[in-house]
Protein backbone atom coordinates (compact mmCIF):
# COMPACT_ATOMS: atom_id res chain seq x y z
CA MET A 1 -9.93 -12.52 1.21
CA ASN A 2 -7.90 -13.45 2.98
CA LEU A 3 -3.77 -12.21 3.47
CA ASP A 4 -2.55 -16.27 2.09
CA GLN A 5 -5.50 -16.22 -0.88
CA GLN A 6 -4.16 -12.38 -2.18
CA LEU A 7 -0.86 -12.88 -2.44
CA ARG A 8 -1.49 -16.51 -4.48
CA ASN A 9 -3.99 -13.59 -6.10
CA LEU A 10 -1.35 -11.07 -6.66
CA ILE A 11 1.19 -14.45 -8.27
CA ASN A 12 -1.60 -15.46 -10.38
CA GLU A 13 -1.82 -11.42 -12.08
CA ALA A 14 1.55 -11.08 -11.96
CA PRO A 15 2.15 -10.93 -15.86
CA GLU A 16 -1.29 -9.02 -16.22
CA TYR A 17 1.64 -6.52 -14.81
CA GLY A 18 4.12 -7.38 -16.79
CA VAL A 19 6.19 -9.08 -13.82
CA PRO A 20 6.95 -13.19 -14.37
CA ALA A 21 4.71 -15.12 -12.35
CA ILE A 22 8.53 -16.30 -10.62
CA ILE A 23 9.66 -13.54 -9.69
CA MET A 24 6.68 -12.05 -8.46
CA GLU A 25 6.59 -14.94 -6.05
CA HIS A 26 10.31 -15.17 -4.93
CA GLY A 27 10.88 -11.32 -5.07
CA VAL A 28 8.19 -9.03 -4.44
CA ILE A 29 5.39 -11.76 -2.46
CA PRO A 30 7.84 -12.00 0.47
CA VAL A 31 8.54 -8.29 1.47
CA ILE A 32 5.00 -7.26 1.06
CA SER A 33 4.02 -10.41 3.06
CA ALA A 34 6.03 -9.12 5.12
CA TYR A 35 4.61 -5.29 5.66
CA ALA A 36 1.37 -6.66 5.71
CA HIS A 37 1.54 -8.51 8.30
CA GLN A 38 2.59 -6.02 10.64
CA LEU A 39 -1.44 -4.68 9.95
CA ASP A 40 -3.91 -5.50 11.60
CA TYR A 41 -6.38 -6.45 9.00
CA SER A 42 -6.57 -7.71 5.50
CA LYS A 43 -8.82 -5.13 4.01
CA TYR A 44 -8.85 -1.34 4.58
CA TYR A 45 -10.95 1.58 2.45
CA LEU A 46 -9.06 3.82 0.57
CA ARG A 47 -10.66 7.46 -0.24
CA GLN A 48 -10.77 8.23 -3.78
CA THR A 49 -12.89 10.65 -5.98
CA LEU A 50 -15.45 9.74 -8.42
CA GLU A 51 -12.70 9.73 -10.89
CA ASN A 52 -10.96 7.23 -9.75
CA ASN A 53 -8.07 9.05 -8.53
CA LEU A 54 -6.97 8.33 -4.63
CA VAL A 55 -7.15 11.03 -2.22
CA LEU A 56 -4.51 12.36 -1.39
CA THR A 57 -3.21 14.57 2.37
CA ILE A 58 -0.57 16.89 2.35
CA LEU A 59 0.62 17.27 5.97
CA GLY A 60 2.95 20.01 7.15
CA THR A 61 4.08 21.52 10.57
CA ASP A 62 3.79 24.98 12.06
CA LYS A 63 7.82 24.76 12.67
CA HIS A 64 8.60 23.97 9.34
CA PRO A 65 5.85 24.61 6.48
CA GLU A 66 8.13 24.52 3.93
CA VAL A 67 8.38 19.89 4.46
CA GLU A 68 5.13 18.87 3.11
CA LYS A 69 4.09 14.66 3.03
CA ARG A 70 2.26 13.38 0.53
CA VAL A 71 0.18 11.00 2.39
CA ILE A 72 -2.81 8.14 2.03
CA TYR A 73 -5.27 7.49 4.32
CA ALA A 74 -6.09 3.55 4.63
CA PHE A 75 -9.01 2.69 6.70
CA PRO A 76 -10.78 0.11 8.52
CA THR A 77 -13.85 0.72 8.20
CA VAL A 78 -15.85 2.95 5.66
CA GLU A 79 -18.02 4.66 8.65
CA ASP A 80 -14.08 6.28 8.87
CA ALA A 81 -13.07 6.64 5.72
CA ALA A 82 -16.33 8.62 5.63
CA LYS A 83 -16.20 10.69 8.79
CA PHE A 84 -12.69 12.05 8.21
CA PRO A 85 -11.96 15.23 8.67
CA ASP A 86 -10.29 16.97 5.94
CA THR A 87 -11.41 20.10 4.59
CA LYS A 88 -9.86 20.29 1.41
CA ILE A 89 -12.10 17.91 0.50
CA ASN A 90 -15.78 17.92 -1.10
CA ASP A 91 -17.19 14.80 0.19
CA ALA A 92 -19.50 15.16 -2.17
CA ASN A 93 -16.94 13.95 -5.07
CA VAL A 94 -15.17 11.67 -2.56
CA ILE A 95 -16.00 7.64 -1.94
CA ALA A 96 -15.01 5.05 0.04
CA GLN A 97 -12.81 1.95 -2.13
CA GLU A 98 -12.27 -1.29 -0.02
CA ILE A 99 -8.94 -2.56 -0.86
CA PRO A 100 -6.88 -5.79 0.08
CA VAL A 101 -4.26 -4.49 1.82
CA SER A 102 -1.86 -7.20 -0.38
CA GLN A 103 -3.08 -5.33 -3.42
CA ILE A 104 -2.46 -1.73 -1.56
CA LEU A 105 0.75 -2.49 -0.87
CA PHE A 106 1.78 -3.55 -4.59
CA GLN A 107 0.13 -0.73 -5.75
CA MET A 108 2.78 1.43 -3.21
CA PHE A 109 6.00 -0.15 -5.21
CA THR A 110 5.11 2.24 -8.03
CA MET A 111 3.79 5.61 -6.16
CA LYS A 112 5.74 7.98 -7.12
CA GLU A 113 3.78 11.46 -5.84
CA VAL A 114 2.58 9.70 -2.66
CA ASP A 115 5.65 9.68 0.70
CA SER A 116 3.53 7.31 3.43
CA VAL A 117 -0.08 5.50 3.33
CA ILE A 118 -1.05 5.41 6.63
CA PHE A 119 -3.01 2.51 8.49
CA VAL A 120 -5.89 3.25 10.53
CA GLU A 121 -5.31 0.19 12.95
CA LYS A 122 -8.46 1.36 15.18
CA PRO A 123 -11.66 2.56 14.16
CA GLU A 124 -12.98 6.15 15.49
CA ASN A 125 -9.22 6.24 16.57
CA TYR A 126 -7.01 8.28 13.68
CA GLN A 127 -4.21 7.75 16.22
CA GLN A 128 -3.90 4.63 16.32
CA SER A 129 -2.03 4.41 13.04
CA LYS A 130 0.98 2.68 11.11
CA GLU A 131 2.71 4.49 8.69
CA ILE A 132 4.15 2.57 5.69
CA PHE A 133 7.11 4.78 3.74
CA CYS A 134 6.71 3.85 -0.04
CA ASN A 135 10.43 4.46 -0.75
CA LYS A 136 11.02 1.95 1.88
CA LEU A 137 8.86 -0.79 0.76
CA GLN A 138 10.84 -0.01 -2.89
CA SER A 139 13.83 -0.15 -2.17
CA ALA A 140 12.57 -3.14 0.25
CA ILE A 141 11.32 -5.17 -3.14
CA GLN A 142 14.48 -3.86 -4.49
CA HIS A 143 16.34 -5.06 -2.48
CA ASN A 144 15.19 -8.60 -2.09
CA LEU A 145 14.79 -8.97 -5.94
CA THR A 146 18.44 -7.83 -6.62
CA ASN A 147 20.07 -10.76 -4.15
CA LEU A 148 17.47 -13.24 -5.29
CA ILE A 149 18.51 -12.74 -9.04
CA ASN A 150 22.59 -12.83 -7.53
CA SER A 151 21.75 -16.19 -5.76
CA ASN A 152 22.50 -19.27 -6.94
CA SER A 153 18.65 -20.60 -6.59
CA PHE A 154 17.78 -18.34 -8.92
CA ASN A 155 18.83 -20.49 -11.65
CA GLN A 156 17.49 -23.21 -10.12
CA LEU A 157 14.02 -21.58 -10.20
CA VAL A 158 14.16 -20.54 -13.54
CA VAL A 159 15.34 -23.85 -15.15
């Protein structure tokens, strides 16, 4: 499914998320689309536990061990997700789930325990990645929604 189809699905499913389709189409989708166009793939593989919980990786540095970052990795292939070195995870309990990029970005809007998603862009090369911070995505969507609601065109869309 290409990105346009994914975005159309989000608009069609908006009422299921408690969001009016018009708000999704004009307030949320433009931001998700802009972020998705910065990424190389239309779908990624996320590591999940058998209970469907996303695998969270906590990153830190030796210089500042008190500063931690909670991230989720998104991989371009199922093989990359399976081979990812993470000594804290029992691999028998982790699976790779294919998820459309638009759905990942939309879910990031509601993530509270995650600082960012790291999209690995080159198979077998974990250093080639793009990091999207949840709070920046959330702020961009909130800003776009505020602008939409305060615009004259919004009243015309709703009527």
